[in-house]
């Protein structure tokens, strides 16, 4: 079984398209291609009630980001600062993700 591909990668800045956090921008903290989900910084926050453990000695209520569907996010181009779809183009013999609006490469400065 081959692994599914996502149009976004860890570290991309994305715009949330729908849901309670519609319009928010944030970085992708984690990408899960097998589940078709992403975790976006500052979006889809949930509260977790935790028992005391070594990581959190007091326990309590912890607020953290939950995974959301990758189809709910769109890449923001660093060059033109607009939400855009992604095209793939061969540059110097290497396949690179490119902004559909301005044509700039998305993977250059990582």
PDB file of N, CA and C in Angstrom:
ATOM      1  N   UNK A   1       0.848  -1.188   0.000  1.00  0.00           N
ATOM      2  CA  UNK A   1       0.000   0.000   0.000  1.00  0.00           C
ATOM      3  C   UNK A   1       0.882   1.236   0.000  1.00  0.00           C
ATOM      4  N   UNK A   2       0.697   2.107  -0.972  1.00  0.00           N
ATOM      5  CA  UNK A   2       1.533   3.306  -1.057  1.00  0.00           C
ATOM      6  C   UNK A   2       1.007   4.397  -0.128  1.00  0.00           C
ATOM      7  N   UNK A   3       1.911   5.253   0.281  1.00  0.00           N
ATOM      8  CA  UNK A   3       1.555   6.327   1.204  1.00  0.00           C
ATOM      9  C   UNK A   3       0.906   7.480   0.434  1.00  0.00           C
ATOM     10  N   UNK A   4      -0.130   8.069   1.015  1.00  0.00           N
ATOM     11  CA  UNK A   4      -0.816   9.195   0.394  1.00  0.00           C
ATOM     12  C   UNK A   4       0.085  10.418   0.417  1.00  0.00           C
ATOM     13  N   UNK A   5      -0.115  11.334  -0.523  1.00  0.00           N
ATOM     14  CA  UNK A   5       0.676  12.559  -0.585  1.00  0.00           C
ATOM     15  C   UNK A   5      -0.185  13.729  -0.151  1.00  0.00           C
ATOM     16  N   UNK A   6       0.451  14.695   0.491  1.00  0.00           N
ATOM     17  CA  UNK A   6      -0.233  15.920   0.897  1.00  0.00           C
ATOM     18  C   UNK A   6       0.298  17.090   0.077  1.00  0.00           C
ATOM     19  N   UNK A   7      -0.495  18.131  -0.052  1.00  0.00           N
ATOM     20  CA  UNK A   7      -0.065  19.326  -0.781  1.00  0.00           C
ATOM     21  C   UNK A   7       0.701  20.282   0.134  1.00  0.00           C
ATOM     22  N   UNK A   8       0.843  19.909   1.407  1.00  0.00           N
ATOM     23  CA  UNK A   8       1.550  20.746   2.385  1.00  0.00           C
ATOM     24  C   UNK A   8       2.623  19.923   3.081  1.00  0.00           C
ATOM     25  N   UNK A   9       3.607  20.629   3.658  1.00  0.00           N
ATOM     26  CA  UNK A   9       4.691  19.970   4.383  1.00  0.00           C
ATOM     27  C   UNK A   9       4.830  20.616   5.749  1.00  0.00           C
ATOM     28  N   UNK A  10       5.536  19.940   6.642  1.00  0.00           N
ATOM     29  CA  UNK A  10       5.852  20.490   7.948  1.00  0.00           C
ATOM     30  C   UNK A  10       6.657  21.781   7.752  1.00  0.00           C
ATOM     31  N   UNK A  11       6.268  22.837   8.446  1.00  0.00           N
ATOM     32  CA  UNK A  11       6.975  24.115   8.338  1.00  0.00           C
ATOM     33  C   UNK A  11       6.312  25.101   7.393  1.00  0.00           C
ATOM     34  N   UNK A  12       5.385  24.640   6.530  1.00  0.00           N
ATOM     35  CA  UNK A  12       4.670  25.551   5.628  1.00  0.00           C
ATOM     36  C   UNK A  12       3.762  26.476   6.427  1.00  0.00           C
ATOM     37  N   UNK A  13       3.612  27.710   5.964  1.00  0.00           N
ATOM     38  CA  UNK A  13       2.603  28.613   6.524  1.00  0.00           C
ATOM     39  C   UNK A  13       1.333  28.373   5.733  1.00  0.00           C
ATOM     40  N   UNK A  14       0.223  28.158   6.452  1.00  0.00           N
ATOM     41  CA  UNK A  14      -1.038  27.838   5.784  1.00  0.00           C
ATOM     42  C   UNK A  14      -2.163  28.734   6.287  1.00  0.00           C
ATOM     43  N   UNK A  15      -3.224  28.816   5.490  1.00  0.00           N
ATOM     44  CA  UNK A  15      -4.439  29.538   5.831  1.00  0.00           C
ATOM     45  C   UNK A  15      -5.533  28.502   6.054  1.00  0.00           C
ATOM     46  N   UNK A  16      -6.259  28.622   7.167  1.00  0.00           N
ATOM     47  CA  UNK A  16      -7.356  27.693   7.458  1.00  0.00           C
ATOM     48  C   UNK A  16      -8.583  28.159   6.671  1.00  0.00           C
ATOM     49  N   UNK A  17      -9.174  27.260   5.865  1.00  0.00           N
ATOM     50  CA  UNK A  17     -10.262  27.618   4.963  1.00  0.00           C
ATOM     51  C   UNK A  17     -11.646  27.472   5.569  1.00  0.00           C
ATOM     52  N   UNK A  18     -11.809  26.570   6.550  1.00  0.00           N
ATOM     53  CA  UNK A  18     -13.152  26.360   7.098  1.00  0.00           C
ATOM     54  C   UNK A  18     -13.078  25.919   8.552  1.00  0.00           C
ATOM     55  N   UNK A  19     -14.216  25.958   9.215  1.00  0.00           N
ATOM     56  CA  UNK A  19     -14.284  25.549  10.615  1.00  0.00           C
ATOM     57  C   UNK A  19     -14.238  26.737  11.555  1.00  0.00           C
ATOM     58  N   UNK A  20     -14.075  26.454  12.836  1.00  0.00           N
ATOM     59  CA  UNK A  20     -14.116  27.520  13.850  1.00  0.00           C
ATOM     60  C   UNK A  20     -12.937  28.478  13.761  1.00  0.00           C
ATOM     61  N   UNK A  21     -11.848  28.051  13.122  1.00  0.00           N
ATOM     62  CA  UNK A  21     -10.650  28.890  13.000  1.00  0.00           C
ATOM     63  C   UNK A  21     -10.461  29.427  11.582  1.00  0.00           C
ATOM     64  N   UNK A  22     -11.548  29.541  10.822  1.00  0.00           N
ATOM     65  CA  UNK A  22     -11.480  30.016   9.434  1.00  0.00           C
ATOM     66  C   UNK A  22     -10.790  31.376   9.371  1.00  0.00           C
ATOM     67  N   UNK A  23      -9.830  31.501   8.455  1.00  0.00           N
ATOM     68  CA  UNK A  23      -9.122  32.766   8.273  1.00  0.00           C
ATOM     69  C   UNK A  23      -7.818  32.873   9.042  1.00  0.00           C
ATOM     70  N   UNK A  24      -7.569  31.964   9.978  1.00  0.00           N
ATOM     71  CA  UNK A  24      -6.328  32.005  10.761  1.00  0.00           C
ATOM     72  C   UNK A  24      -5.164  31.485   9.928  1.00  0.00           C
ATOM     73  N   UNK A  25      -3.985  32.062  10.167  1.00  0.00           N
ATOM     74  CA  UNK A  25      -2.767  31.575   9.538  1.00  0.00           C
ATOM     75  C   UNK A  25      -1.870  30.974  10.594  1.00  0.00           C
ATOM     76  N   UNK A  26      -1.147  29.943  10.242  1.00  0.00           N
ATOM     77  CA  UNK A  26      -0.223  29.323  11.180  1.00  0.00           C
ATOM     78  C   UNK A  26       0.710  28.369  10.461  1.00  0.00           C
ATOM     79  N   UNK A  27       1.745  27.945  11.176  1.00  0.00           N
ATOM     80  CA  UNK A  27       2.722  27.003  10.633  1.00  0.00           C
ATOM     81  C   UNK A  27       2.237  25.588  10.867  1.00  0.00           C
ATOM     82  N   UNK A  28       2.604  24.694   9.972  1.00  0.00           N
ATOM     83  CA  UNK A  28       2.276  23.284  10.161  1.00  0.00           C
ATOM     84  C   UNK A  28       3.310  22.689  11.103  1.00  0.00           C
ATOM     85  N   UNK A  29       2.830  22.176  12.243  1.00  0.00           N
ATOM     86  CA  UNK A  29       3.706  21.572  13.236  1.00  0.00           C
ATOM     87  C   UNK A  29       3.947  20.097  12.931  1.00  0.00           C
ATOM     88  N   UNK A  30       2.931  19.445  12.354  1.00  0.00           N
ATOM     89  CA  UNK A  30       3.021  18.016  12.071  1.00  0.00           C
ATOM     90  C   UNK A  30       2.134  17.688  10.879  1.00  0.00           C
ATOM     91  N   UNK A  31       2.630  16.860   9.977  1.00  0.00           N
ATOM     92  CA  UNK A  31       1.847  16.396   8.834  1.00  0.00           C
ATOM     93  C   UNK A  31       1.697  14.879   8.943  1.00  0.00           C
ATOM     94  N   UNK A  32       0.477  14.395   8.761  1.00  0.00           N
ATOM     95  CA  UNK A  32       0.200  12.962   8.858  1.00  0.00           C
ATOM     96  C   UNK A  32      -0.421  12.478   7.546  1.00  0.00           C
ATOM     97  N   UNK A  33       0.415  12.151   6.546  1.00  0.00           N
ATOM     98  CA  UNK A  33      -0.111  11.760   5.235  1.00  0.00           C
ATOM     99  C   UNK A  33      -0.985  10.512   5.275  1.00  0.00           C
ATOM    100  N   UNK A  34      -0.684   9.561   6.147  1.00  0.00           N
ATOM    101  CA  UNK A  34      -1.460   8.323   6.204  1.00  0.00           C
ATOM    102  C   UNK A  34      -2.901   8.591   6.636  1.00  0.00           C
ATOM    103  N   UNK A  35      -3.098   9.592   7.482  1.00  0.00           N
ATOM    104  CA  UNK A  35      -4.440   9.936   7.966  1.00  0.00           C
ATOM    105  C   UNK A  35      -5.033  11.136   7.230  1.00  0.00           C
ATOM    106  N   UNK A  36      -4.261  11.754   6.310  1.00  0.00           N
ATOM    107  CA  UNK A  36      -4.666  12.947   5.574  1.00  0.00           C
ATOM    108  C   UNK A  36      -4.994  14.097   6.533  1.00  0.00           C
ATOM    109  N   UNK A  37      -4.154  14.263   7.559  1.00  0.00           N
ATOM    110  CA  UNK A  37      -4.375  15.300   8.570  1.00  0.00           C
ATOM    111  C   UNK A  37      -3.108  16.115   8.795  1.00  0.00           C
ATOM    112  N   UNK A  38      -3.300  17.338   9.318  1.00  0.00           N
ATOM    113  CA  UNK A  38      -2.193  18.217   9.679  1.00  0.00           C
ATOM    114  C   UNK A  38      -2.501  18.875  11.021  1.00  0.00           C
ATOM    115  N   UNK A  39      -1.446  19.268  11.747  1.00  0.00           N
ATOM    116  CA  UNK A  39      -1.593  20.024  12.989  1.00  0.00           C
ATOM    117  C   UNK A  39      -1.061  21.422  12.697  1.00  0.00           C
ATOM    118  N   UNK A  40      -1.941  22.437  12.853  1.00  0.00           N
ATOM    119  CA  UNK A  40      -1.586  23.819  12.548  1.00  0.00           C
ATOM    120  C   UNK A  40      -1.430  24.604  13.842  1.00  0.00           C
ATOM    121  N   UNK A  41      -0.328  25.350  13.943  1.00  0.00           N
ATOM    122  CA  UNK A  41      -0.023  26.151  15.125  1.00  0.00           C
ATOM    123  C   UNK A  41      -1.125  27.196  15.360  1.00  0.00           C
ATOM    124  N   UNK A  42      -1.733  27.161  16.547  1.00  0.00           N
ATOM    125  CA  UNK A  42      -2.744  28.152  16.924  1.00  0.00           C
ATOM    126  C   UNK A  42      -4.139  27.884  16.393  1.00  0.00           C
ATOM    127  N   UNK A  43      -4.370  26.773  15.705  1.00  0.00           N
ATOM    128  CA  UNK A  43      -5.693  26.467  15.149  1.00  0.00           C
ATOM    129  C   UNK A  43      -6.198  25.133  15.696  1.00  0.00           C
ATOM    130  N   UNK A  44      -7.524  25.003  15.789  1.00  0.00           N
ATOM    131  CA  UNK A  44      -8.190  23.783  16.262  1.00  0.00           C
ATOM    132  C   UNK A  44      -7.702  23.391  17.657  1.00  0.00           C
ATOM    133  N   UNK A  45      -7.723  24.354  18.580  1.00  0.00           N
ATOM    134  CA  UNK A  45      -7.262  24.122  19.956  1.00  0.00           C
ATOM    135  C   UNK A  45      -8.297  23.295  20.715  1.00  0.00           C
ATOM    136  N   UNK A  46      -7.802  22.347  21.522  1.00  0.00           N
ATOM    137  CA  UNK A  46      -8.668  21.541  22.380  1.00  0.00           C
ATOM    138  C   UNK A  46      -8.108  21.575  23.794  1.00  0.00           C
ATOM    139  N   UNK A  47      -8.951  21.218  24.765  1.00  0.00           N
ATOM    140  CA  UNK A  47      -8.506  21.143  26.154  1.00  0.00           C
ATOM    141  C   UNK A  47      -8.429  19.684  26.559  1.00  0.00           C
ATOM    142  N   UNK A  48      -7.301  19.303  27.152  1.00  0.00           N
ATOM    143  CA  UNK A  48      -7.074  17.934  27.613  1.00  0.00           C
ATOM    144  C   UNK A  48      -6.933  17.939  29.125  1.00  0.00           C
ATOM    145  N   UNK A  49      -7.734  17.141  29.805  1.00  0.00           N
ATOM    146  CA  UNK A  49      -7.615  16.995  31.254  1.00  0.00           C
ATOM    147  C   UNK A  49      -6.593  15.903  31.524  1.00  0.00           C
ATOM    148  N   UNK A  50      -5.485  16.256  32.175  1.00  0.00           N
ATOM    149  CA  UNK A  50      -4.407  15.286  32.364  1.00  0.00           C
ATOM    150  C   UNK A  50      -4.131  15.030  33.840  1.00  0.00           C
ATOM    151  N   UNK A  51      -3.749  13.785  34.116  1.00  0.00           N
ATOM    152  CA  UNK A  51      -3.323  13.419  35.464  1.00  0.00           C
ATOM    153  C   UNK A  51      -1.887  13.879  35.649  1.00  0.00           C
ATOM    154  N   UNK A  52      -1.449  14.063  36.882  1.00  0.00           N
ATOM    155  CA  UNK A  52      -0.039  14.430  37.100  1.00  0.00           C
ATOM    156  C   UNK A  52       0.888  13.333  36.571  1.00  0.00           C
ATOM    157  N   UNK A  53       1.953  13.753  35.889  1.00  0.00           N
ATOM    158  CA  UNK A  53       2.981  12.838  35.420  1.00  0.00           C
ATOM    159  C   UNK A  53       4.316  13.580  35.415  1.00  0.00           C
ATOM    160  N   UNK A  54       5.370  12.958  34.906  1.00  0.00           N
ATOM    161  CA  UNK A  54       6.686  13.595  34.954  1.00  0.00           C
ATOM    162  C   UNK A  54       6.752  14.850  34.092  1.00  0.00           C
ATOM    163  N   UNK A  55       6.048  14.847  32.969  1.00  0.00           N
ATOM    164  CA  UNK A  55       6.054  16.008  32.088  1.00  0.00           C
ATOM    165  C   UNK A  55       5.278  17.182  32.700  1.00  0.00           C
ATOM    166  N   UNK A  56       4.119  16.885  33.275  1.00  0.00           N
ATOM    167  CA  UNK A  56       3.283  17.905  33.918  1.00  0.00           C
ATOM    168  C   UNK A  56       3.034  17.463  35.356  1.00  0.00           C
ATOM    169  N   UNK A  57       3.920  17.851  36.303  1.00  0.00           N
ATOM    170  CA  UNK A  57       3.826  17.353  37.676  1.00  0.00           C
ATOM    171  C   UNK A  57       2.520  17.699  38.392  1.00  0.00           C
ATOM    172  N   UNK A  58       1.884  18.805  38.004  1.00  0.00           N
ATOM    173  CA  UNK A  58       0.627  19.188  38.653  1.00  0.00           C
ATOM    174  C   UNK A  58      -0.603  18.657  37.929  1.00  0.00           C
ATOM    175  N   UNK A  59      -0.437  18.216  36.689  1.00  0.00           N
ATOM    176  CA  UNK A  59      -1.586  17.778  35.912  1.00  0.00           C
ATOM    177  C   UNK A  59      -2.429  18.985  35.531  1.00  0.00           C
ATOM    178  N   UNK A  60      -3.744  18.817  35.437  1.00  0.00           N
ATOM    179  CA  UNK A  60      -4.639  19.935  35.140  1.00  0.00           C
ATOM    180  C   UNK A  60      -5.120  19.921  33.703  1.00  0.00           C
ATOM    181  N   UNK A  61      -5.601  21.088  33.280  1.00  0.00           N
ATOM    182  CA  UNK A  61      -6.165  21.210  31.938  1.00  0.00           C
ATOM    183  C   UNK A  61      -5.116  21.820  31.015  1.00  0.00           C
ATOM    184  N   UNK A  62      -4.763  21.087  29.971  1.00  0.00           N
ATOM    185  CA  UNK A  62      -3.751  21.533  29.018  1.00  0.00           C
ATOM    186  C   UNK A  62      -4.445  21.849  27.699  1.00  0.00           C
ATOM    187  N   UNK A  63      -4.117  23.011  27.119  1.00  0.00           N
ATOM    188  CA  UNK A  63      -4.679  23.393  25.829  1.00  0.00           C
ATOM    189  C   UNK A  63      -3.649  23.097  24.744  1.00  0.00           C
ATOM    190  N   UNK A  64      -4.063  22.347  23.699  1.00  0.00           N
ATOM    191  CA  UNK A  64      -3.127  22.018  22.623  1.00  0.00           C
ATOM    192  C   UNK A  64      -3.863  21.942  21.291  1.00  0.00           C
ATOM    193  N   UNK A  65      -3.073  21.924  20.206  1.00  0.00           N
ATOM    194  CA  UNK A  65      -3.646  21.855  18.866  1.00  0.00           C
ATOM    195  C   UNK A  65      -3.989  20.409  18.520  1.00  0.00           C
ATOM    196  N   UNK A  66      -5.156  20.213  17.926  1.00  0.00           N
ATOM    197  CA  UNK A  66      -5.586  18.881  17.497  1.00  0.00           C
ATOM    198  C   UNK A  66      -5.416  18.782  15.979  1.00  0.00           C
ATOM    199  N   UNK A  67      -5.268  17.564  15.454  1.00  0.00           N
ATOM    200  CA  UNK A  67      -5.160  17.404  13.999  1.00  0.00           C
ATOM    201  C   UNK A  67      -6.442  17.840  13.291  1.00  0.00           C
ATOM    202  N   UNK A  68      -6.289  18.382  12.092  1.00  0.00           N
ATOM    203  CA  UNK A  68      -7.435  18.741  11.258  1.00  0.00           C
ATOM    204  C   UNK A  68      -7.197  18.221   9.851  1.00  0.00           C
ATOM    205  N   UNK A  69      -8.241  18.125   9.073  1.00  0.00           N
ATOM    206  CA  UNK A  69      -8.121  17.597   7.723  1.00  0.00           C
ATOM    207  C   UNK A  69      -7.223  18.493   6.874  1.00  0.00           C
ATOM    208  N   UNK A  70      -6.371  17.875   6.078  1.00  0.00           N
ATOM    209  CA  UNK A  70      -5.453  18.633   5.223  1.00  0.00           C
ATOM    210  C   UNK A  70      -6.208  19.407   4.144  1.00  0.00           C
ATOM    211  N   UNK A  71      -7.425  18.975   3.837  1.00  0.00           N
ATOM    212  CA  UNK A  71      -8.213  19.676   2.816  1.00  0.00           C
ATOM    213  C   UNK A  71      -8.745  21.016   3.315  1.00  0.00           C
ATOM    214  N   UNK A  72      -8.652  21.256   4.624  1.00  0.00           N
ATOM    215  CA  UNK A  72      -9.137  22.520   5.196  1.00  0.00           C
ATOM    216  C   UNK A  72      -8.072  23.616   5.194  1.00  0.00           C
ATOM    217  N   UNK A  73      -6.870  23.318   4.696  1.00  0.00           N
ATOM    218  CA  UNK A  73      -5.802  24.317   4.700  1.00  0.00           C
ATOM    219  C   UNK A  73      -5.259  24.555   3.296  1.00  0.00           C
ATOM    220  N   UNK A  74      -4.739  25.771   3.083  1.00  0.00           N
ATOM    221  CA  UNK A  74      -4.164  26.145   1.806  1.00  0.00           C
ATOM    222  C   UNK A  74      -2.832  26.835   2.058  1.00  0.00           C
ATOM    223  N   UNK A  75      -1.827  26.508   1.278  1.00  0.00           N
ATOM    224  CA  UNK A  75      -0.480  27.060   1.446  1.00  0.00           C
ATOM    225  C   UNK A  75      -0.493  28.567   1.180  1.00  0.00           C
ATOM    226  N   UNK A  76       0.233  29.324   2.022  1.00  0.00           N
ATOM    227  CA  UNK A  76       0.426  30.753   1.789  1.00  0.00           C
ATOM    228  C   UNK A  76       1.817  30.933   1.190  1.00  0.00           C
ATOM    229  N   UNK A  77       1.863  31.537   0.007  1.00  0.00           N
ATOM    230  CA  UNK A  77       3.131  31.743  -0.700  1.00  0.00           C
ATOM    231  C   UNK A  77       3.971  32.788   0.038  1.00  0.00           C
ATOM    232  N   UNK A  78       5.245  32.474   0.354  1.00  0.00           N
ATOM    233  CA  UNK A  78       6.090  33.441   1.050  1.00  0.00           C
ATOM    234  C   UNK A  78       6.442  34.661   0.193  1.00  0.00           C
ATOM    235  N   UNK A  79       6.408  34.503  -1.133  1.00  0.00           N
ATOM    236  CA  UNK A  79       6.773  35.609  -2.028  1.00  0.00           C
ATOM    237  C   UNK A  79       5.624  36.614  -2.192  1.00  0.00           C
ATOM    238  N   UNK A  80       4.413  36.117  -2.504  1.00  0.00           N
ATOM    239  CA  UNK A  80       3.299  37.040  -2.764  1.00  0.00           C
ATOM    240  C   UNK A  80       2.329  37.144  -1.586  1.00  0.00           C
ATOM    241  N   UNK A  81       2.535  36.373  -0.524  1.00  0.00           N
ATOM    242  CA  UNK A  81       1.713  36.401   0.697  1.00  0.00           C
ATOM    243  C   UNK A  81       0.232  36.131   0.445  1.00  0.00           C
ATOM    244  N   UNK A  82      -0.069  35.320  -0.574  1.00  0.00           N
ATOM    245  CA  UNK A  82      -1.455  34.951  -0.859  1.00  0.00           C
ATOM    246  C   UNK A  82      -1.624  33.445  -0.718  1.00  0.00           C
ATOM    247  N   UNK A  83      -2.833  33.040  -0.315  1.00  0.00           N
ATOM    248  CA  UNK A  83      -3.147  31.610  -0.267  1.00  0.00           C
ATOM    249  C   UNK A  83      -3.219  31.109  -1.703  1.00  0.00           C
ATOM    250  N   UNK A  84      -2.570  29.989  -1.968  1.00  0.00           N
ATOM    251  CA  UNK A  84      -2.468  29.520  -3.341  1.00  0.00           C
ATOM    252  C   UNK A  84      -2.510  28.001  -3.432  1.00  0.00           C
ATOM    253  N   UNK A  85      -2.861  27.516  -4.609  1.00  0.00           N
ATOM    254  CA  UNK A  85      -2.725  26.099  -4.881  1.00  0.00           C
ATOM    255  C   UNK A  85      -1.273  25.836  -5.257  1.00  0.00           C
ATOM    256  N   UNK A  86      -0.890  24.569  -5.273  1.00  0.00           N
ATOM    257  CA  UNK A  86       0.506  24.211  -5.505  1.00  0.00           C
ATOM    258  C   UNK A  86       0.637  23.493  -6.842  1.00  0.00           C
ATOM    259  N   UNK A  87       1.630  23.921  -7.623  1.00  0.00           N
ATOM    260  CA  UNK A  87       1.971  23.232  -8.862  1.00  0.00           C
ATOM    261  C   UNK A  87       3.351  22.616  -8.670  1.00  0.00           C
ATOM    262  N   UNK A  88       3.690  21.638  -9.481  1.00  0.00           N
ATOM    263  CA  UNK A  88       5.032  21.050  -9.417  1.00  0.00           C
ATOM    264  C   UNK A  88       5.743  21.341 -10.723  1.00  0.00           C
ATOM    265  N   UNK A  89       6.989  21.798 -10.607  1.00  0.00           N
ATOM    266  CA  UNK A  89       7.772  22.165 -11.776  1.00  0.00           C
ATOM    267  C   UNK A  89       9.196  21.678 -11.589  1.00  0.00           C
ATOM    268  N   UNK A  90       9.848  21.306 -12.683  1.00  0.00           N
ATOM    269  CA  UNK A  90      11.237  20.855 -12.602  1.00  0.00           C
ATOM    270  C   UNK A  90      12.166  22.051 -12.755  1.00  0.00           C
ATOM    271  N   UNK A  91      12.967  22.301 -11.710  1.00  0.00           N
ATOM    272  CA  UNK A  91      13.940  23.390 -11.732  1.00  0.00           C
ATOM    273  C   UNK A  91      15.305  22.784 -11.427  1.00  0.00           C
ATOM    274  N   UNK A  92      16.253  22.975 -12.339  1.00  0.00           N
ATOM    275  CA  UNK A  92      17.604  22.415 -12.214  1.00  0.00           C
ATOM    276  C   UNK A  92      17.589  20.905 -11.973  1.00  0.00           C
ATOM    277  N   UNK A  93      16.703  20.204 -12.669  1.00  0.00           N
ATOM    278  CA  UNK A  93      16.636  18.758 -12.561  1.00  0.00           C
ATOM    279  C   UNK A  93      15.984  18.247 -11.288  1.00  0.00           C
ATOM    280  N   UNK A  94      15.333  19.121 -10.534  1.00  0.00           N
ATOM    281  CA  UNK A  94      14.694  18.726  -9.283  1.00  0.00           C
ATOM    282  C   UNK A  94      13.241  19.203  -9.280  1.00  0.00           C
ATOM    283  N   UNK A  95      12.330  18.320  -8.890  1.00  0.00           N
ATOM    284  CA  UNK A  95      10.920  18.702  -8.820  1.00  0.00           C
ATOM    285  C   UNK A  95      10.694  19.598  -7.607  1.00  0.00           C
ATOM    286  N   UNK A  96      10.078  20.755  -7.826  1.00  0.00           N
ATOM    287  CA  UNK A  96       9.877  21.757  -6.775  1.00  0.00           C
ATOM    288  C   UNK A  96       8.417  22.175  -6.765  1.00  0.00           C
ATOM    289  N   UNK A  97       7.889  22.437  -5.569  1.00  0.00           N
ATOM    290  CA  UNK A  97       6.524  22.967  -5.461  1.00  0.00           C
ATOM    291  C   UNK A  97       6.560  24.462  -5.799  1.00  0.00           C
ATOM    292  N   UNK A  98       5.598  24.903  -6.620  1.00  0.00           N
ATOM    293  CA  UNK A  98       5.585  26.273  -7.119  1.00  0.00           C
ATOM    294  C   UNK A  98       4.225  26.903  -6.857  1.00  0.00           C
ATOM    295  N   UNK A  99       4.214  28.210  -6.553  1.00  0.00           N
ATOM    296  CA  UNK A  99       2.985  28.986  -6.343  1.00  0.00           C
ATOM    297  C   UNK A  99       2.256  29.138  -7.669  1.00  0.00           C
ATOM    298  N   UNK A 100       0.950  28.862  -7.698  1.00  0.00           N
ATOM    299  CA  UNK A 100       0.158  28.976  -8.924  1.00  0.00           C
ATOM    300  C   UNK A 100      -0.075  30.439  -9.295  1.00  0.00           C
ATOM    301  N   UNK A 101      -0.003  31.352  -8.303  1.00  0.00           N
ATOM    302  CA  UNK A 101      -0.316  32.757  -8.567  1.00  0.00           C
ATOM    303  C   UNK A 101       0.879  33.546  -9.075  1.00  0.00           C
ATOM    304  N   UNK A 102       2.056  33.377  -8.457  1.00  0.00           N
ATOM    305  CA  UNK A 102       3.210  34.188  -8.862  1.00  0.00           C
ATOM    306  C   UNK A 102       4.320  33.380  -9.521  1.00  0.00           C
ATOM    307  N   UNK A 103       4.273  32.048  -9.416  1.00  0.00           N
ATOM    308  CA  UNK A 103       5.280  31.206 -10.062  1.00  0.00           C
ATOM    309  C   UNK A 103       6.557  30.996  -9.270  1.00  0.00           C
ATOM    310  N   UNK A 104       6.644  31.551  -8.045  1.00  0.00           N
ATOM    311  CA  UNK A 104       7.837  31.390  -7.214  1.00  0.00           C
ATOM    312  C   UNK A 104       7.871  30.010  -6.582  1.00  0.00           C
ATOM    313  N   UNK A 105       9.072  29.487  -6.360  1.00  0.00           N
ATOM    314  CA  UNK A 105       9.242  28.185  -5.716  1.00  0.00           C
ATOM    315  C   UNK A 105       8.918  28.313  -4.219  1.00  0.00           C
ATOM    316  N   UNK A 106       8.200  27.333  -3.678  1.00  0.00           N
ATOM    317  CA  UNK A 106       7.817  27.350  -2.260  1.00  0.00           C
ATOM    318  C   UNK A 106       8.874  26.711  -1.369  1.00  0.00           C
ATOM    319  N   UNK A 107       9.692  25.820  -1.925  1.00  0.00           N
ATOM    320  CA  UNK A 107      10.625  25.029  -1.117  1.00  0.00           C
ATOM    321  C   UNK A 107      12.022  25.625  -1.014  1.00  0.00           C
ATOM    322  N   UNK A 108      12.262  26.800  -1.572  1.00  0.00           N
ATOM    323  CA  UNK A 108      13.627  27.308  -1.655  1.00  0.00           C
ATOM    324  C   UNK A 108      14.242  27.671  -0.317  1.00  0.00           C
ATOM    325  N   UNK A 109      13.523  28.341   0.586  1.00  0.00           N
ATOM    326  CA  UNK A 109      14.155  28.894   1.801  1.00  0.00           C
ATOM    327  C   UNK A 109      13.806  28.097   3.045  1.00  0.00           C
ATOM    328  N   UNK A 110      14.062  26.767   3.009  1.00  0.00           N
ATOM    329  CA  UNK A 110      13.745  25.969   4.192  1.00  0.00           C
ATOM    330  C   UNK A 110      14.978  25.302   4.716  1.00  0.00           C
TER     331      UNK A 110
END
